[in-house]
Amino acid sequence: MEVERGSVVALIGPNGAGKTTFFNVLTGFERADGGTWRFEGHDVSGQAAYAAARVGMVRTFQTARVFPRLSVLDNIRLAAKDQKGEHLRSALLPWVWRRQEAELGERAAELGRWVGLGDKLEDRAGTLSGGQRKLLELARGVMAAPRLLMLDEPMAGVNPALRQLLLDKIRELPGEGITVLFVEHDMDVVSAISDVVVCMAEGRVIASGTAGQVASDPRVIDAYLGGSSGDLRDMADELAPVVDELYADGTDTDNTDPDSIDPNGARP
C-alpha cells in the first residue's frame, strides 16, 4: 500500500485483520517476518521505535498512554525532538537549554489549547477522562513534529461531546504538513475525514479507494461477513423453496425469533 503525502488515509478491516500489527511493525514495536517499507524515499525497514519517530513516523495507541503524575503541559512538552537538555553535557549548562525550554513550553501550551485542554494544562494527566487523554495524545503527537502521524483507533472511548472536536483537529493536520494514517472501525468517521480508505483482511490489503468504493467492494463485504457474497446468494437460493413451502403449509413464523417456529403453526 502507499500513503500519499498530505492525505488522510483510513485503514479498516475486521477484527484480527492485522491493522494494529501493521502499525507496530512499521513503527518498530514488533519485528516483521519479512518485507520492506520505505518512508520519503528511504528504506526504513526494521528500524527501532525511536528511530522511526526520529525520521517523522509518529504513532498513538488504541488505549491512550500518558504519564499520569506529570501535568498535561509536561506530557505534551516531553514529546519535542532534539531537546538540548536531554544530553548530559548540555544539561549541565543551563544557558544552553533554557531558551529552548521556554519556547517548547509555549508550543506545548499552544497545542494544549488547540485540542481544547487549555484549562487542564496544569492538571495531572492521570485526572483526564478517556476522551481527554486521546486529545492529549493527539497534541503530543503533533508536538513531535511528525511528517506521518499514525493514529490507532483515535475515536475509541471518546464521548460524543469530544468526538467532533477530535475529528476536526485530525482533518486540520494536512494543512500543517502532517500526513495522517489512522485505524478506525466506525464508517461514519471514516467517511467524514478520509481521502482514501484501505481495507485489510487476514494480514493483507484487499481493497483501496474512496469510502463509497471500498464499502461496496465485494471483497470487503466478504471479509466482514465471513463468507463470500456468492455463498450468501447460494444460501438464499437454497432457503427460498423451504420458506415458500412453510408459508404454503400455513406454518406460522416469527422472523425476529428463530426459536418461535412451530411445525403445528402455533407460536410458543
C-alpha atoms as a PDB file:
ATOM      1  CA  MET A   1       0.000   0.000   0.000  1.00  0.00           C
ATOM      2  CA  GLU A   2       1.003   3.627  -0.465  1.00  0.00           C
ATOM      3  CA  VAL A   3       0.146   6.693   1.595  1.00  0.00           C
ATOM      4  CA  GLU A   4       0.267   9.929  -0.369  1.00  0.00           C
ATOM      5  CA  ARG A   5       1.852  12.942   1.290  1.00  0.00           C
ATOM      6  CA  GLY A   6      -0.734  15.411   2.619  1.00  0.00           C
ATOM      7  CA  SER A   7      -3.614  12.931   2.684  1.00  0.00           C
ATOM      8  CA  VAL A   8      -5.790  11.412   5.396  1.00  0.00           C
ATOM      9  CA  VAL A   9      -5.888   7.648   4.898  1.00  0.00           C
ATOM     10  CA  ALA A  10      -8.159   5.296   6.846  1.00  0.00           C
ATOM     11  CA  LEU A  11      -7.150   1.691   7.462  1.00  0.00           C
ATOM     12  CA  ILE A  12     -10.159  -0.558   8.074  1.00  0.00           C
ATOM     13  CA  GLY A  13     -10.814  -4.269   8.333  1.00  0.00           C
ATOM     14  CA  PRO A  14     -12.493  -6.888  10.508  1.00  0.00           C
ATOM     15  CA  ASN A  15     -11.070  -7.810  13.898  1.00  0.00           C
ATOM     16  CA  GLY A  16      -7.859  -9.774  13.502  1.00  0.00           C
ATOM     17  CA  ALA A  17      -7.114  -8.337  10.058  1.00  0.00           C
ATOM     18  CA  GLY A  18      -3.667  -7.180  11.193  1.00  0.00           C
ATOM     19  CA  LYS A  19      -4.171  -3.416  11.360  1.00  0.00           C
ATOM     20  CA  THR A  20      -2.527  -2.795  14.725  1.00  0.00           C
ATOM     21  CA  THR A  21       0.198  -5.336  13.957  1.00  0.00           C
ATOM     22  CA  PHE A  22       0.856  -3.398  10.750  1.00  0.00           C
ATOM     23  CA  PHE A  23       1.268  -0.210  12.793  1.00  0.00           C
ATOM     24  CA  ASN A  24       3.509  -1.985  15.295  1.00  0.00           C
ATOM     25  CA  VAL A  25       5.781  -3.341  12.578  1.00  0.00           C
ATOM     26  CA  LEU A  26       6.103  -0.026  10.729  1.00  0.00           C
ATOM     27  CA  THR A  27       6.965   1.853  13.923  1.00  0.00           C
ATOM     28  CA  GLY A  28       9.391  -0.679  15.379  1.00  0.00           C
ATOM     29  CA  PHE A  29       7.248  -2.127  18.159  1.00  0.00           C
ATOM     30  CA  GLU A  30       7.215  -5.571  16.536  1.00  0.00           C
ATOM     31  CA  ARG A  31       9.680  -7.304  14.238  1.00  0.00           C
ATOM     32  CA  ALA A  32       8.499  -8.195  10.747  1.00  0.00           C
ATOM     33  CA  ASP A  33       8.872 -11.731   9.412  1.00  0.00           C
ATOM     34  CA  GLY A  34       9.721 -10.291   6.016  1.00  0.00           C
ATOM     35  CA  GLY A  35       9.071  -7.499   3.549  1.00  0.00           C
ATOM     36  CA  THR A  36      10.330  -3.932   3.239  1.00  0.00           C
ATOM     37  CA  TRP A  37       8.880  -0.455   3.569  1.00  0.00           C
ATOM     38  CA  ARG A  38      10.070   2.993   2.593  1.00  0.00           C
ATOM     39  CA  PHE A  39       9.366   6.432   4.005  1.00  0.00           C
ATOM     40  CA  GLU A  40      10.014   9.542   1.914  1.00  0.00           C
ATOM     41  CA  GLY A  41      12.267   7.560  -0.393  1.00  0.00           C
ATOM     42  CA  HIS A  42      14.368   5.935   2.331  1.00  0.00           C
ATOM     43  CA  ASP A  43      14.333   2.291   3.355  1.00  0.00           C
ATOM     44  CA  VAL A  44      13.214   2.256   6.996  1.00  0.00           C
ATOM     45  CA  SER A  45      12.515  -1.471   7.243  1.00  0.00           C
ATOM     46  CA  GLY A  46      13.153  -2.927  10.683  1.00  0.00           C
ATOM     47  CA  GLN A  47      14.044   0.334  12.403  1.00  0.00           C
ATOM     48  CA  ALA A  48      13.654   0.583  16.173  1.00  0.00           C
ATOM     49  CA  ALA A  49      10.745   2.597  17.560  1.00  0.00           C
ATOM     50  CA  TYR A  50      12.906   5.589  18.489  1.00  0.00           C
ATOM     51  CA  ALA A  51      14.478   5.624  15.017  1.00  0.00           C
ATOM     52  CA  ALA A  52      11.081   5.559  13.311  1.00  0.00           C
ATOM     53  CA  ALA A  53       9.965   8.517  15.427  1.00  0.00           C
ATOM     54  CA  ARG A  54      13.117  10.456  14.607  1.00  0.00           C
ATOM     55  CA  VAL A  55      12.540  10.189  10.866  1.00  0.00           C
ATOM     56  CA  GLY A  56       8.998  11.510  11.338  1.00  0.00           C
ATOM     57  CA  MET A  57       6.816   8.398  11.758  1.00  0.00           C
ATOM     58  CA  VAL A  58       4.910   9.042  14.987  1.00  0.00           C
ATOM     59  CA  ARG A  59       2.055   6.916  16.316  1.00  0.00           C
ATOM     60  CA  THR A  60      -0.577   6.767  19.044  1.00  0.00           C
ATOM     61  CA  PHE A  61      -2.186   3.704  20.628  1.00  0.00           C
ATOM     62  CA  GLN A  62      -5.666   2.213  20.994  1.00  0.00           C
ATOM     63  CA  THR A  63      -5.525   2.952  24.715  1.00  0.00           C
ATOM     64  CA  ALA A  64      -4.037   6.390  25.322  1.00  0.00           C
ATOM     65  CA  ARG A  65      -0.674   6.226  27.081  1.00  0.00           C
ATOM     66  CA  VAL A  66       0.099   9.160  29.346  1.00  0.00           C
ATOM     67  CA  PHE A  67       2.447   9.932  32.214  1.00  0.00           C
ATOM     68  CA  PRO A  68      -0.249  10.184  34.895  1.00  0.00           C
ATOM     69  CA  ARG A  69       1.816  12.040  37.510  1.00  0.00           C
ATOM     70  CA  LEU A  70       3.050  14.685  35.089  1.00  0.00           C
ATOM     71  CA  SER A  71       0.981  17.699  34.142  1.00  0.00           C
ATOM     72  CA  VAL A  72      -0.814  17.843  30.816  1.00  0.00           C
ATOM     73  CA  LEU A  73       1.634  20.543  29.728  1.00  0.00           C
ATOM     74  CA  ASP A  74       4.676  18.411  30.581  1.00  0.00           C
ATOM     75  CA  ASN A  75       3.159  15.397  28.820  1.00  0.00           C
ATOM     76  CA  ILE A  76       2.980  17.435  25.633  1.00  0.00           C
ATOM     77  CA  ARG A  77       6.337  19.157  26.068  1.00  0.00           C
ATOM     78  CA  LEU A  78       8.361  15.980  26.539  1.00  0.00           C
ATOM     79  CA  ALA A  79       7.462  14.804  23.012  1.00  0.00           C
ATOM     80  CA  ALA A  80       9.553  17.511  21.347  1.00  0.00           C
ATOM     81  CA  LYS A  81      12.516  16.225  19.360  1.00  0.00           C
ATOM     82  CA  ASP A  82      16.138  17.342  19.675  1.00  0.00           C
ATOM     83  CA  GLN A  83      15.824  18.865  23.132  1.00  0.00           C
ATOM     84  CA  LYS A  84      19.205  20.265  24.094  1.00  0.00           C
ATOM     85  CA  GLY A  85      18.761  19.434  27.744  1.00  0.00           C
ATOM     86  CA  GLU A  86      18.420  15.717  27.102  1.00  0.00           C
ATOM     87  CA  HIS A  87      22.190  15.313  26.733  1.00  0.00           C
ATOM     88  CA  LEU A  88      24.293  15.194  29.896  1.00  0.00           C
ATOM     89  CA  ARG A  89      26.846  17.765  28.765  1.00  0.00           C
ATOM     90  CA  SER A  90      24.198  20.288  27.718  1.00  0.00           C
ATOM     91  CA  ALA A  91      22.101  19.625  30.815  1.00  0.00           C
ATOM     92  CA  LEU A  92      24.981  20.899  32.961  1.00  0.00           C
ATOM     93  CA  LEU A  93      24.975  24.205  31.065  1.00  0.00           C
ATOM     94  CA  PRO A  94      21.582  25.865  31.753  1.00  0.00           C
ATOM     95  CA  TRP A  95      22.149  28.747  29.376  1.00  0.00           C
ATOM     96  CA  VAL A  96      22.326  26.216  26.527  1.00  0.00           C
ATOM     97  CA  TRP A  97      18.819  24.821  27.024  1.00  0.00           C
ATOM     98  CA  ARG A  98      16.790  27.411  28.960  1.00  0.00           C
ATOM     99  CA  ARG A  99      15.734  29.422  25.928  1.00  0.00           C
ATOM    100  CA  GLN A 100      14.672  26.317  24.031  1.00  0.00           C
ATOM    101  CA  GLU A 101      12.854  25.051  27.137  1.00  0.00           C
ATOM    102  CA  ALA A 102      10.789  28.243  27.252  1.00  0.00           C
ATOM    103  CA  GLU A 103       9.990  28.022  23.545  1.00  0.00           C
ATOM    104  CA  LEU A 104       8.926  24.393  23.884  1.00  0.00           C
ATOM    105  CA  GLY A 105       6.705  25.299  26.816  1.00  0.00           C
ATOM    106  CA  GLU A 106       4.952  27.932  24.720  1.00  0.00           C
ATOM    107  CA  ARG A 107       4.491  25.485  21.846  1.00  0.00           C
ATOM    108  CA  ALA A 108       3.144  22.787  24.192  1.00  0.00           C
ATOM    109  CA  ALA A 109       0.658  25.232  25.715  1.00  0.00           C
ATOM    110  CA  GLU A 110      -0.441  26.296  22.229  1.00  0.00           C
ATOM    111  CA  LEU A 111      -1.108  22.680  21.259  1.00  0.00           C
ATOM    112  CA  GLY A 112      -2.916  22.039  24.531  1.00  0.00           C
ATOM    113  CA  ARG A 113      -5.260  24.921  23.772  1.00  0.00           C
ATOM    114  CA  TRP A 114      -5.589  23.729  20.168  1.00  0.00           C
ATOM    115  CA  VAL A 115      -7.102  20.427  21.326  1.00  0.00           C
ATOM    116  CA  GLY A 116      -9.342  22.086  23.908  1.00  0.00           C
ATOM    117  CA  LEU A 117      -7.266  21.322  27.011  1.00  0.00           C
ATOM    118  CA  GLY A 118      -6.268  24.902  27.753  1.00  0.00           C
ATOM    119  CA  ASP A 119      -7.879  24.828  31.191  1.00  0.00           C
ATOM    120  CA  LYS A 120      -6.245  21.478  32.021  1.00  0.00           C
ATOM    121  CA  LEU A 121      -2.605  22.286  31.292  1.00  0.00           C
ATOM    122  CA  GLU A 122      -1.519  22.288  34.936  1.00  0.00           C
ATOM    123  CA  ASP A 123      -3.653  19.277  35.909  1.00  0.00           C
ATOM    124  CA  ARG A 124      -2.101  15.852  36.230  1.00  0.00           C
ATOM    125  CA  ALA A 125      -2.691  13.785  33.117  1.00  0.00           C
ATOM    126  CA  GLY A 126      -3.989  10.963  35.290  1.00  0.00           C
ATOM    127  CA  THR A 127      -7.079  13.024  36.131  1.00  0.00           C
ATOM    128  CA  LEU A 128      -8.209  13.298  32.495  1.00  0.00           C
ATOM    129  CA  SER A 129     -11.118  11.334  31.062  1.00  0.00           C
ATOM    130  CA  GLY A 130     -10.533   8.765  28.335  1.00  0.00           C
ATOM    131  CA  GLY A 131     -11.570  11.197  25.617  1.00  0.00           C
ATOM    132  CA  GLN A 132      -9.367  13.959  27.016  1.00  0.00           C
ATOM    133  CA  ARG A 133      -6.425  11.566  27.033  1.00  0.00           C
ATOM    134  CA  LYS A 134      -6.996  10.946  23.327  1.00  0.00           C
ATOM    135  CA  LEU A 135      -6.852  14.710  22.778  1.00  0.00           C
ATOM    136  CA  LEU A 136      -3.653  14.841  24.830  1.00  0.00           C
ATOM    137  CA  GLU A 137      -2.126  12.079  22.708  1.00  0.00           C
ATOM    138  CA  LEU A 138      -3.009  13.983  19.552  1.00  0.00           C
ATOM    139  CA  ALA A 139      -1.362  17.150  20.877  1.00  0.00           C
ATOM    140  CA  ARG A 140       1.697  15.179  21.966  1.00  0.00           C
ATOM    141  CA  GLY A 141       1.923  13.510  18.579  1.00  0.00           C
ATOM    142  CA  VAL A 142       1.898  16.881  16.813  1.00  0.00           C
ATOM    143  CA  MET A 143       4.493  18.173  19.305  1.00  0.00           C
ATOM    144  CA  ALA A 144       6.873  15.513  17.976  1.00  0.00           C
ATOM    145  CA  ALA A 145       6.809  17.298  14.587  1.00  0.00           C
ATOM    146  CA  PRO A 146       5.780  14.226  12.564  1.00  0.00           C
ATOM    147  CA  ARG A 147       5.550  14.022   8.811  1.00  0.00           C
ATOM    148  CA  LEU A 148       3.340  10.945   9.155  1.00  0.00           C
ATOM    149  CA  LEU A 149       1.044  10.675  12.180  1.00  0.00           C
ATOM    150  CA  MET A 150      -0.384   7.195  12.709  1.00  0.00           C
ATOM    151  CA  LEU A 151      -3.485   7.089  14.919  1.00  0.00           C
ATOM    152  CA  ASP A 152      -4.675   3.714  16.199  1.00  0.00           C
ATOM    153  CA  GLU A 153      -8.446   3.940  16.757  1.00  0.00           C
ATOM    154  CA  PRO A 154      -8.429   7.623  17.775  1.00  0.00           C
ATOM    155  CA  MET A 155     -12.192   7.627  18.448  1.00  0.00           C
ATOM    156  CA  ALA A 156     -12.254   4.595  20.752  1.00  0.00           C
ATOM    157  CA  GLY A 157     -13.740   5.576  24.107  1.00  0.00           C
ATOM    158  CA  VAL A 158     -14.355   9.194  23.071  1.00  0.00           C
ATOM    159  CA  ASN A 159     -17.748  10.561  24.116  1.00  0.00           C
ATOM    160  CA  PRO A 160     -19.933  12.483  21.635  1.00  0.00           C
ATOM    161  CA  ALA A 161     -19.054  15.825  23.239  1.00  0.00           C
ATOM    162  CA  LEU A 162     -15.367  15.434  22.290  1.00  0.00           C
ATOM    163  CA  ARG A 163     -15.797  13.340  19.167  1.00  0.00           C
ATOM    164  CA  GLN A 164     -16.446  16.182  16.726  1.00  0.00           C
ATOM    165  CA  LEU A 165     -13.599  18.237  18.185  1.00  0.00           C
ATOM    166  CA  LEU A 166     -11.179  15.363  17.655  1.00  0.00           C
ATOM    167  CA  LEU A 167     -12.445  14.803  14.113  1.00  0.00           C
ATOM    168  CA  ASP A 168     -11.989  18.474  13.261  1.00  0.00           C
ATOM    169  CA  LYS A 169      -8.435  18.520  14.615  1.00  0.00           C
ATOM    170  CA  ILE A 170      -7.413  15.434  12.662  1.00  0.00           C
ATOM    171  CA  ARG A 171      -8.784  16.969   9.465  1.00  0.00           C
ATOM    172  CA  GLU A 172      -6.693  20.099  10.060  1.00  0.00           C
ATOM    173  CA  LEU A 173      -3.401  18.185  10.190  1.00  0.00           C
ATOM    174  CA  PRO A 174      -2.662  18.020   6.430  1.00  0.00           C
ATOM    175  CA  GLY A 175      -2.792  21.815   6.402  1.00  0.00           C
ATOM    176  CA  GLU A 176       0.072  21.718   8.911  1.00  0.00           C
ATOM    177  CA  GLY A 177       2.136  19.464   6.653  1.00  0.00           C
ATOM    178  CA  ILE A 178       1.226  16.261   8.505  1.00  0.00           C
ATOM    179  CA  THR A 179       0.036  13.177   6.632  1.00  0.00           C
ATOM    180  CA  VAL A 180      -2.407  11.002   8.594  1.00  0.00           C
ATOM    181  CA  LEU A 181      -2.867   7.233   8.576  1.00  0.00           C
ATOM    182  CA  PHE A 182      -5.475   6.026  11.049  1.00  0.00           C
ATOM    183  CA  VAL A 183      -7.187   2.790  12.052  1.00  0.00           C
ATOM    184  CA  GLU A 184     -10.928   3.046  12.586  1.00  0.00           C
ATOM    185  CA  HIS A 185     -13.997   0.776  12.758  1.00  0.00           C
ATOM    186  CA  ASP A 186     -16.686   3.456  12.575  1.00  0.00           C
ATOM    187  CA  MET A 187     -17.512   4.027   8.903  1.00  0.00           C
ATOM    188  CA  ASP A 188     -19.190   7.351   9.699  1.00  0.00           C
ATOM    189  CA  VAL A 189     -15.826   8.588  10.983  1.00  0.00           C
ATOM    190  CA  VAL A 190     -14.009   7.081   8.016  1.00  0.00           C
ATOM    191  CA  SER A 191     -16.365   8.748   5.532  1.00  0.00           C
ATOM    192  CA  ALA A 192     -16.185  12.096   7.315  1.00  0.00           C
ATOM    193  CA  ILE A 193     -12.438  12.693   7.290  1.00  0.00           C
ATOM    194  CA  SER A 194     -10.626  10.272   4.969  1.00  0.00           C
ATOM    195  CA  ASP A 195      -9.398  10.932   1.451  1.00  0.00           C
ATOM    196  CA  VAL A 196      -8.546   7.284   0.843  1.00  0.00           C
ATOM    197  CA  VAL A 197      -9.725   4.097   2.555  1.00  0.00           C
ATOM    198  CA  VAL A 198      -7.646   0.918   2.618  1.00  0.00           C
ATOM    199  CA  CYS A 199      -9.175  -2.369   3.773  1.00  0.00           C
ATOM    200  CA  MET A 200      -7.130  -5.230   5.210  1.00  0.00           C
ATOM    201  CA  ALA A 201      -8.154  -8.836   5.819  1.00  0.00           C
ATOM    202  CA  GLU A 202      -6.021 -11.710   7.065  1.00  0.00           C
ATOM    203  CA  GLY A 203      -2.863  -9.623   7.022  1.00  0.00           C
ATOM    204  CA  ARG A 204      -3.076  -8.203   3.519  1.00  0.00           C
ATOM    205  CA  VAL A 205      -4.645  -5.303   1.642  1.00  0.00           C
ATOM    206  CA  ILE A 206      -7.757  -6.365  -0.271  1.00  0.00           C
ATOM    207  CA  ALA A 207      -9.207  -3.029  -1.435  1.00  0.00           C
ATOM    208  CA  SER A 208      -8.391   0.662  -1.699  1.00  0.00           C
ATOM    209  CA  GLY A 209     -10.328   3.715  -2.850  1.00  0.00           C
ATOM    210  CA  THR A 210     -12.888   6.197  -1.602  1.00  0.00           C
ATOM    211  CA  ALA A 211     -15.105   5.255   1.332  1.00  0.00           C
ATOM    212  CA  GLY A 212     -18.004   4.531  -1.018  1.00  0.00           C
ATOM    213  CA  GLN A 213     -15.915   2.407  -3.373  1.00  0.00           C
ATOM    214  CA  VAL A 214     -14.440   0.314  -0.584  1.00  0.00           C
ATOM    215  CA  ALA A 215     -17.743  -0.142   1.252  1.00  0.00           C
ATOM    216  CA  SER A 216     -19.349  -1.563  -1.893  1.00  0.00           C
ATOM    217  CA  ASP A 217     -16.398  -3.766  -2.884  1.00  0.00           C
ATOM    218  CA  PRO A 218     -17.462  -7.461  -2.844  1.00  0.00           C
ATOM    219  CA  ARG A 219     -14.120  -8.467  -1.326  1.00  0.00           C
ATOM    220  CA  VAL A 220     -14.688  -6.108   1.598  1.00  0.00           C
ATOM    221  CA  ILE A 221     -18.240  -7.353   2.081  1.00  0.00           C
ATOM    222  CA  ASP A 222     -16.959 -10.919   2.042  1.00  0.00           C
ATOM    223  CA  ALA A 223     -14.287 -10.111   4.636  1.00  0.00           C
ATOM    224  CA  TYR A 224     -16.760  -8.554   7.058  1.00  0.00           C
ATOM    225  CA  LEU A 225     -19.482 -11.181   6.593  1.00  0.00           C
ATOM    226  CA  GLY A 226     -17.076 -14.085   6.923  1.00  0.00           C
ATOM    227  CA  GLY A 227     -18.120 -15.743   3.671  1.00  0.00           C
ATOM    228  CA  SER A 228     -18.283 -14.888   0.010  1.00  0.00           C
ATOM    229  CA  SER A 229     -21.224 -12.934  -1.306  1.00  0.00           C
ATOM    230  CA  GLY A 230     -21.662 -15.777  -3.784  1.00  0.00           C
ATOM    231  CA  ASP A 231     -22.017 -18.233  -0.910  1.00  0.00           C
ATOM    232  CA  LEU A 232     -24.644 -15.998   0.675  1.00  0.00           C
ATOM    233  CA  ARG A 233     -26.605 -15.795  -2.559  1.00  0.00           C
ATOM    234  CA  ASP A 234     -26.419 -19.577  -2.924  1.00  0.00           C
ATOM    235  CA  MET A 235     -27.653 -19.976   0.643  1.00  0.00           C
ATOM    236  CA  ALA A 236     -30.565 -17.633  -0.024  1.00  0.00           C
ATOM    237  CA  ASP A 237     -31.451 -19.575  -3.181  1.00  0.00           C
ATOM    238  CA  GLU A 238     -31.396 -22.846  -1.250  1.00  0.00           C
ATOM    239  CA  LEU A 239     -33.573 -21.481   1.549  1.00  0.00           C
ATOM    240  CA  ALA A 240     -36.158 -19.874  -0.733  1.00  0.00           C
ATOM    241  CA  PRO A 241     -38.056 -23.118  -1.565  1.00  0.00           C
ATOM    242  CA  VAL A 242     -38.102 -24.067   2.129  1.00  0.00           C
ATOM    243  CA  VAL A 243     -39.611 -20.717   3.093  1.00  0.00           C
ATOM    244  CA  ASP A 244     -42.171 -20.968   0.283  1.00  0.00           C
ATOM    245  CA  GLU A 245     -43.160 -24.454   1.460  1.00  0.00           C
ATOM    246  CA  LEU A 246     -43.571 -23.274   5.053  1.00  0.00           C
ATOM    247  CA  TYR A 247     -45.904 -20.477   4.008  1.00  0.00           C
ATOM    248  CA  ALA A 248     -47.804 -22.800   1.647  1.00  0.00           C
ATOM    249  CA  ASP A 249     -48.415 -25.205   4.551  1.00  0.00           C
ATOM    250  CA  GLY A 250     -49.687 -22.374   6.719  1.00  0.00           C
ATOM    251  CA  THR A 251     -46.777 -22.580   9.134  1.00  0.00           C
ATOM    252  CA  ASP A 252     -46.674 -19.502  11.362  1.00  0.00           C
ATOM    253  CA  THR A 253     -43.226 -17.993  11.771  1.00  0.00           C
ATOM    254  CA  ASP A 254     -41.781 -15.115  13.744  1.00  0.00           C
ATOM    255  CA  ASN A 255     -38.856 -13.688  11.806  1.00  0.00           C
ATOM    256  CA  THR A 256     -37.474 -11.988  14.900  1.00  0.00           C
ATOM    257  CA  ASP A 257     -37.009 -15.232  16.842  1.00  0.00           C
ATOM    258  CA  PRO A 258     -35.711 -18.396  15.153  1.00  0.00           C
ATOM    259  CA  ASP A 259     -36.936 -20.487  18.118  1.00  0.00           C
ATOM    260  CA  SER A 260     -40.509 -19.369  17.505  1.00  0.00           C
ATOM    261  CA  ILE A 261     -41.121 -21.653  14.517  1.00  0.00           C
ATOM    262  CA  ASP A 262     -43.685 -24.285  15.432  1.00  0.00           C
ATOM    263  CA  PRO A 263     -44.397 -27.069  12.906  1.00  0.00           C
ATOM    264  CA  ASN A 264     -48.022 -27.060  14.087  1.00  0.00           C
ATOM    265  CA  GLY A 265     -48.413 -23.442  13.129  1.00  0.00           C
ATOM    266  CA  ALA A 266     -48.700 -22.129  16.711  1.00  0.00           C
ATOM    267  CA  ARG A 267     -46.428 -19.644  18.430  1.00  0.00           C
ATOM    268  CA  PRO A 268     -44.767 -20.814  21.659  1.00  0.00           C
END
